[in-house]
Amino acid sequence: MFECHHMIGNTNQVELCEALQLLKDEHALLNTQKLYLFECSNALINESLLENKLKKLEELRSKVMTFIATLDPHSQKEEGHLFELMANHIGKENGPIAVMEMEHDHAKSLISQFLTKTEDISSNSNIDEICNLVIEAYHVLTSHFMKEEQVLFPMAQNILSESEKTYLLDSIKD
């Protein structure tokens, strides 16, 4: 959706400050978790017995809740700190920050819809549709993480001052 042409091709060469590297490193666990959710959702869709589908849907709901417990603090670090710092330099209404926030909102909405629709698992007749919400969230987040790692983080490394990077690190450290 957005590109920074002068960075394409050399983004792998940008060494990130500690704060940006920490945010990037958090993607590893999130990627593992979301891939598992994607695989479970596809397996559930391919399940033929309703009894098994309902049991697997309950398990998927539990795993989605675990994923959210990891995703929410990560996205709060980005939205509350990194995005705000970047907005001071490049604005927030259009461009990368607007796209990043829109993707955060879209993924959260999909996951929220899934959780709402699985509150009473026994009454679900559209299980495949419900699983597709998780699959769509997987695709949104996969693309989103790639944009952050290949565009936003290198851009932040180049734009943010040393004092802003220190502030970011102090703000996001657990």
C-alpha atoms as a PDB file:
ATOM      1  CA  MET A   1       0.000   0.000   0.000  1.00  0.00           C
ATOM      2  CA  PHE A   2       2.908   2.309   0.600  1.00  0.00           C
ATOM      3  CA  GLU A   3       6.513   2.217  -0.342  1.00  0.00           C
ATOM      4  CA  CYS A   4       9.596   4.184   0.362  1.00  0.00           C
ATOM      5  CA  HIS A   5      11.439   3.706  -2.916  1.00  0.00           C
ATOM      6  CA  HIS A   6      14.803   4.921  -1.714  1.00  0.00           C
ATOM      7  CA  MET A   7      14.833   2.174   0.920  1.00  0.00           C
ATOM      8  CA  ILE A   8      13.733  -0.777  -1.176  1.00  0.00           C
ATOM      9  CA  GLY A   9      16.593  -3.119  -1.803  1.00  0.00           C
ATOM     10  CA  ASN A  10      18.748  -1.955   1.064  1.00  0.00           C
ATOM     11  CA  THR A  11      16.383  -2.436   4.005  1.00  0.00           C
ATOM     12  CA  ASN A  12      18.133  -5.611   5.108  1.00  0.00           C
ATOM     13  CA  GLN A  13      21.319  -3.615   5.533  1.00  0.00           C
ATOM     14  CA  VAL A  14      19.833  -1.130   8.010  1.00  0.00           C
ATOM     15  CA  GLU A  15      20.942  -1.912  11.532  1.00  0.00           C
ATOM     16  CA  LEU A  16      18.104  -1.112  13.901  1.00  0.00           C
ATOM     17  CA  CYS A  17      18.486   0.591  17.261  1.00  0.00           C
ATOM     18  CA  GLU A  18      17.675  -1.493  20.337  1.00  0.00           C
ATOM     19  CA  ALA A  19      14.068  -0.278  20.592  1.00  0.00           C
ATOM     20  CA  LEU A  20      13.211  -1.019  16.964  1.00  0.00           C
ATOM     21  CA  GLN A  21      14.997  -4.357  17.152  1.00  0.00           C
ATOM     22  CA  LEU A  22      12.945  -5.272  20.231  1.00  0.00           C
ATOM     23  CA  LEU A  23       9.717  -4.509  18.357  1.00  0.00           C
ATOM     24  CA  LYS A  24      10.927  -6.522  15.378  1.00  0.00           C
ATOM     25  CA  ASP A  25      11.967  -9.423  17.615  1.00  0.00           C
ATOM     26  CA  GLU A  26       8.467  -9.565  19.111  1.00  0.00           C
ATOM     27  CA  HIS A  27       7.206 -10.467  15.650  1.00  0.00           C
ATOM     28  CA  ALA A  28       8.900 -13.889  15.882  1.00  0.00           C
ATOM     29  CA  LEU A  29       6.589 -15.198  18.626  1.00  0.00           C
ATOM     30  CA  LEU A  30       3.589 -13.490  17.050  1.00  0.00           C
ATOM     31  CA  ASN A  31       4.409 -15.057  13.666  1.00  0.00           C
ATOM     32  CA  THR A  32       4.644 -18.522  15.240  1.00  0.00           C
ATOM     33  CA  GLN A  33       1.346 -18.061  17.050  1.00  0.00           C
ATOM     34  CA  LYS A  34      -0.541 -16.651  14.064  1.00  0.00           C
ATOM     35  CA  LEU A  35       0.725 -19.418  11.756  1.00  0.00           C
ATOM     36  CA  TYR A  36      -0.561 -21.969  14.250  1.00  0.00           C
ATOM     37  CA  LEU A  37      -3.955 -20.229  14.316  1.00  0.00           C
ATOM     38  CA  PHE A  38      -4.008 -20.191  10.514  1.00  0.00           C
ATOM     39  CA  GLU A  39      -3.236 -23.911  10.349  1.00  0.00           C
ATOM     40  CA  CYS A  40      -5.806 -24.759  13.037  1.00  0.00           C
ATOM     41  CA  SER A  41      -8.457 -22.719  11.225  1.00  0.00           C
ATOM     42  CA  ASN A  42      -7.801 -24.499   7.943  1.00  0.00           C
ATOM     43  CA  ALA A  43      -7.850 -27.905   9.654  1.00  0.00           C
ATOM     44  CA  LEU A  44     -11.122 -27.005  11.331  1.00  0.00           C
ATOM     45  CA  ILE A  45     -12.676 -26.009   8.011  1.00  0.00           C
ATOM     46  CA  ASN A  46     -11.615 -29.378   6.576  1.00  0.00           C
ATOM     47  CA  GLU A  47     -13.058 -31.317   9.530  1.00  0.00           C
ATOM     48  CA  SER A  48     -16.223 -33.171   8.537  1.00  0.00           C
ATOM     49  CA  LEU A  49     -17.722 -34.245  11.871  1.00  0.00           C
ATOM     50  CA  LEU A  50     -19.700 -31.496  13.634  1.00  0.00           C
ATOM     51  CA  GLU A  51     -18.772 -32.796  17.085  1.00  0.00           C
ATOM     52  CA  ASN A  52     -15.065 -32.543  16.211  1.00  0.00           C
ATOM     53  CA  LYS A  53     -15.583 -29.131  14.642  1.00  0.00           C
ATOM     54  CA  LEU A  54     -17.176 -27.781  17.809  1.00  0.00           C
ATOM     55  CA  LYS A  55     -14.395 -29.177  20.003  1.00  0.00           C
ATOM     56  CA  LYS A  56     -11.702 -27.771  17.712  1.00  0.00           C
ATOM     57  CA  LEU A  57     -13.491 -24.417  17.550  1.00  0.00           C
ATOM     58  CA  GLU A  58     -13.415 -24.213  21.332  1.00  0.00           C
ATOM     59  CA  GLU A  59      -9.675 -24.984  21.277  1.00  0.00           C
ATOM     60  CA  LEU A  60      -9.114 -22.396  18.533  1.00  0.00           C
ATOM     61  CA  ARG A  61     -10.943 -19.770  20.577  1.00  0.00           C
ATOM     62  CA  SER A  62      -8.640 -20.441  23.512  1.00  0.00           C
ATOM     63  CA  LYS A  63      -5.548 -20.151  21.285  1.00  0.00           C
ATOM     64  CA  VAL A  64      -6.847 -16.894  19.775  1.00  0.00           C
ATOM     65  CA  MET A  65      -7.241 -15.469  23.266  1.00  0.00           C
ATOM     66  CA  THR A  66      -3.639 -16.452  24.068  1.00  0.00           C
ATOM     67  CA  PHE A  67      -2.531 -14.776  20.839  1.00  0.00           C
ATOM     68  CA  ILE A  68      -4.390 -11.579  21.721  1.00  0.00           C
ATOM     69  CA  ALA A  69      -2.641 -11.517  25.103  1.00  0.00           C
ATOM     70  CA  THR A  70       0.661 -11.296  23.185  1.00  0.00           C
ATOM     71  CA  LEU A  71      -0.518  -9.102  20.297  1.00  0.00           C
ATOM     72  CA  ASP A  72      -2.224  -6.364  22.338  1.00  0.00           C
ATOM     73  CA  PRO A  73       0.827  -5.230  24.336  1.00  0.00           C
ATOM     74  CA  HIS A  74       2.914  -5.270  21.150  1.00  0.00           C
ATOM     75  CA  SER A  75       0.452  -3.163  19.189  1.00  0.00           C
ATOM     76  CA  GLN A  76       0.096  -0.762  22.139  1.00  0.00           C
ATOM     77  CA  LYS A  77       3.862  -0.220  22.092  1.00  0.00           C
ATOM     78  CA  GLU A  78       3.727   0.577  18.400  1.00  0.00           C
ATOM     79  CA  GLU A  79       0.600   2.733  18.437  1.00  0.00           C
ATOM     80  CA  GLY A  80       1.326   4.558  21.664  1.00  0.00           C
ATOM     81  CA  HIS A  81       4.995   5.195  21.106  1.00  0.00           C
ATOM     82  CA  LEU A  82       6.560   4.384  17.728  1.00  0.00           C
ATOM     83  CA  PHE A  83       3.662   5.598  15.582  1.00  0.00           C
ATOM     84  CA  GLU A  84       3.368   8.786  17.616  1.00  0.00           C
ATOM     85  CA  LEU A  85       7.086   9.548  17.263  1.00  0.00           C
ATOM     86  CA  MET A  86       6.976   8.849  13.545  1.00  0.00           C
ATOM     87  CA  ALA A  87       3.840  10.987  13.125  1.00  0.00           C
ATOM     88  CA  ASN A  88       5.812  13.965  14.435  1.00  0.00           C
ATOM     89  CA  HIS A  89       8.086  13.617  11.405  1.00  0.00           C
ATOM     90  CA  ILE A  90       5.875  12.317   8.598  1.00  0.00           C
ATOM     91  CA  GLY A  91       2.328  13.049   9.728  1.00  0.00           C
ATOM     92  CA  LYS A  92      -0.462  10.720  10.714  1.00  0.00           C
ATOM     93  CA  GLU A  93      -3.351  11.454   8.403  1.00  0.00           C
ATOM     94  CA  ASN A  94      -1.909   9.846   5.256  1.00  0.00           C
ATOM     95  CA  GLY A  95       0.980   7.572   4.449  1.00  0.00           C
ATOM     96  CA  PRO A  96       2.649   4.828   6.461  1.00  0.00           C
ATOM     97  CA  ILE A  97       1.296   5.656   9.915  1.00  0.00           C
ATOM     98  CA  ALA A  98      -2.293   5.871   8.679  1.00  0.00           C
ATOM     99  CA  VAL A  99      -1.863   2.520   6.910  1.00  0.00           C
ATOM    100  CA  MET A 100      -0.267   0.892   9.972  1.00  0.00           C
ATOM    101  CA  GLU A 101      -3.070   2.064  12.246  1.00  0.00           C
ATOM    102  CA  MET A 102      -5.721   0.967   9.753  1.00  0.00           C
ATOM    103  CA  GLU A 103      -4.173  -2.504   9.570  1.00  0.00           C
ATOM    104  CA  HIS A 104      -4.001  -2.742  13.375  1.00  0.00           C
ATOM    105  CA  ASP A 105      -7.681  -1.820  13.563  1.00  0.00           C
ATOM    106  CA  HIS A 106      -8.645  -4.260  10.797  1.00  0.00           C
ATOM    107  CA  ALA A 107      -6.836  -7.199  12.411  1.00  0.00           C
ATOM    108  CA  LYS A 108      -8.280  -6.387  15.853  1.00  0.00           C
ATOM    109  CA  SER A 109     -11.766  -6.121  14.358  1.00  0.00           C
ATOM    110  CA  LEU A 110     -11.494  -9.525  12.680  1.00  0.00           C
ATOM    111  CA  ILE A 111     -10.276 -11.157  15.878  1.00  0.00           C
ATOM    112  CA  SER A 112     -12.958  -9.416  17.930  1.00  0.00           C
ATOM    113  CA  GLN A 113     -15.638 -10.647  15.515  1.00  0.00           C
ATOM    114  CA  PHE A 114     -14.267 -14.185  15.856  1.00  0.00           C
ATOM    115  CA  LEU A 115     -14.336 -14.007  19.662  1.00  0.00           C
ATOM    116  CA  THR A 116     -17.852 -12.562  19.692  1.00  0.00           C
ATOM    117  CA  LYS A 117     -19.163 -15.238  17.316  1.00  0.00           C
ATOM    118  CA  THR A 118     -17.581 -18.026  19.374  1.00  0.00           C
ATOM    119  CA  GLU A 119     -18.924 -16.968  22.778  1.00  0.00           C
ATOM    120  CA  ASP A 120     -21.601 -19.674  22.533  1.00  0.00           C
ATOM    121  CA  ILE A 121     -19.915 -22.394  20.529  1.00  0.00           C
ATOM    122  CA  SER A 122     -22.858 -24.813  20.593  1.00  0.00           C
ATOM    123  CA  SER A 123     -25.041 -22.454  18.548  1.00  0.00           C
ATOM    124  CA  ASN A 124     -22.608 -21.984  15.672  1.00  0.00           C
ATOM    125  CA  SER A 125     -23.790 -23.117  12.277  1.00  0.00           C
ATOM    126  CA  ASN A 126     -21.354 -21.055  10.190  1.00  0.00           C
ATOM    127  CA  ILE A 127     -18.150 -22.460  11.628  1.00  0.00           C
ATOM    128  CA  ASP A 128     -16.243 -22.180   8.350  1.00  0.00           C
ATOM    129  CA  GLU A 129     -17.160 -18.493   8.027  1.00  0.00           C
ATOM    130  CA  ILE A 130     -16.058 -17.888  11.599  1.00  0.00           C
ATOM    131  CA  CYS A 131     -12.716 -19.608  10.941  1.00  0.00           C
ATOM    132  CA  ASN A 132     -12.232 -17.454   7.871  1.00  0.00           C
ATOM    133  CA  LEU A 133     -12.083 -14.426  10.191  1.00  0.00           C
ATOM    134  CA  VAL A 134      -8.928 -15.877  11.772  1.00  0.00           C
ATOM    135  CA  ILE A 135      -7.515 -16.718   8.350  1.00  0.00           C
ATOM    136  CA  GLU A 136      -8.129 -13.173   7.140  1.00  0.00           C
ATOM    137  CA  ALA A 137      -6.521 -11.740  10.303  1.00  0.00           C
ATOM    138  CA  TYR A 138      -3.509 -13.960   9.607  1.00  0.00           C
ATOM    139  CA  HIS A 139      -3.135 -12.461   6.113  1.00  0.00           C
ATOM    140  CA  VAL A 140      -3.596  -8.880   7.340  1.00  0.00           C
ATOM    141  CA  LEU A 141      -0.985  -9.333  10.073  1.00  0.00           C
ATOM    142  CA  THR A 142       1.477 -11.164   7.831  1.00  0.00           C
ATOM    143  CA  SER A 143       1.437  -8.300   5.345  1.00  0.00           C
ATOM    144  CA  HIS A 144       1.507  -5.754   8.159  1.00  0.00           C
ATOM    145  CA  PHE A 145       4.557  -7.242   9.880  1.00  0.00           C
ATOM    146  CA  MET A 146       6.391  -7.386   6.556  1.00  0.00           C
ATOM    147  CA  LYS A 147       5.701  -3.675   5.942  1.00  0.00           C
ATOM    148  CA  GLU A 148       6.903  -2.798   9.410  1.00  0.00           C
ATOM    149  CA  GLU A 149      10.090  -4.819   9.073  1.00  0.00           C
ATOM    150  CA  GLN A 150      10.941  -3.805   5.521  1.00  0.00           C
ATOM    151  CA  VAL A 151       9.728  -0.202   5.474  1.00  0.00           C
ATOM    152  CA  LEU A 152       8.599   1.341   8.758  1.00  0.00           C
ATOM    153  CA  PHE A 153      11.381   0.157  11.071  1.00  0.00           C
ATOM    154  CA  PRO A 154      14.204   1.108   8.652  1.00  0.00           C
ATOM    155  CA  MET A 155      12.455   4.444   8.027  1.00  0.00           C
ATOM    156  CA  ALA A 156      12.200   5.055  11.782  1.00  0.00           C
ATOM    157  CA  GLN A 157      15.868   4.160  12.194  1.00  0.00           C
ATOM    158  CA  ASN A 158      16.774   6.855   9.688  1.00  0.00           C
ATOM    159  CA  ILE A 159      14.276   9.508  10.830  1.00  0.00           C
ATOM    160  CA  LEU A 160      14.173   9.324  14.625  1.00  0.00           C
ATOM    161  CA  SER A 161      16.777  11.227  16.619  1.00  0.00           C
ATOM    162  CA  GLU A 162      18.948   9.461  19.179  1.00  0.00           C
ATOM    163  CA  SER A 163      16.921  11.006  22.007  1.00  0.00           C
ATOM    164  CA  GLU A 164      13.682   9.760  20.409  1.00  0.00           C
ATOM    165  CA  LYS A 165      15.169   6.271  20.096  1.00  0.00           C
ATOM    166  CA  THR A 166      16.149   6.366  23.767  1.00  0.00           C
ATOM    167  CA  TYR A 167      12.660   7.554  24.711  1.00  0.00           C
ATOM    168  CA  LEU A 168      11.158   4.755  22.604  1.00  0.00           C
ATOM    169  CA  LEU A 169      13.349   2.153  24.281  1.00  0.00           C
ATOM    170  CA  ASP A 170      12.452   3.412  27.771  1.00  0.00           C
ATOM    171  CA  SER A 171       8.759   3.430  26.809  1.00  0.00           C
ATOM    172  CA  ILE A 172       8.556  -0.094  25.409  1.00  0.00           C
ATOM    173  CA  LYS A 173      10.847  -2.056  27.710  1.00  0.00           C
ATOM    174  CA  ASP A 174       8.936  -4.546  29.823  1.00  0.00           C
END
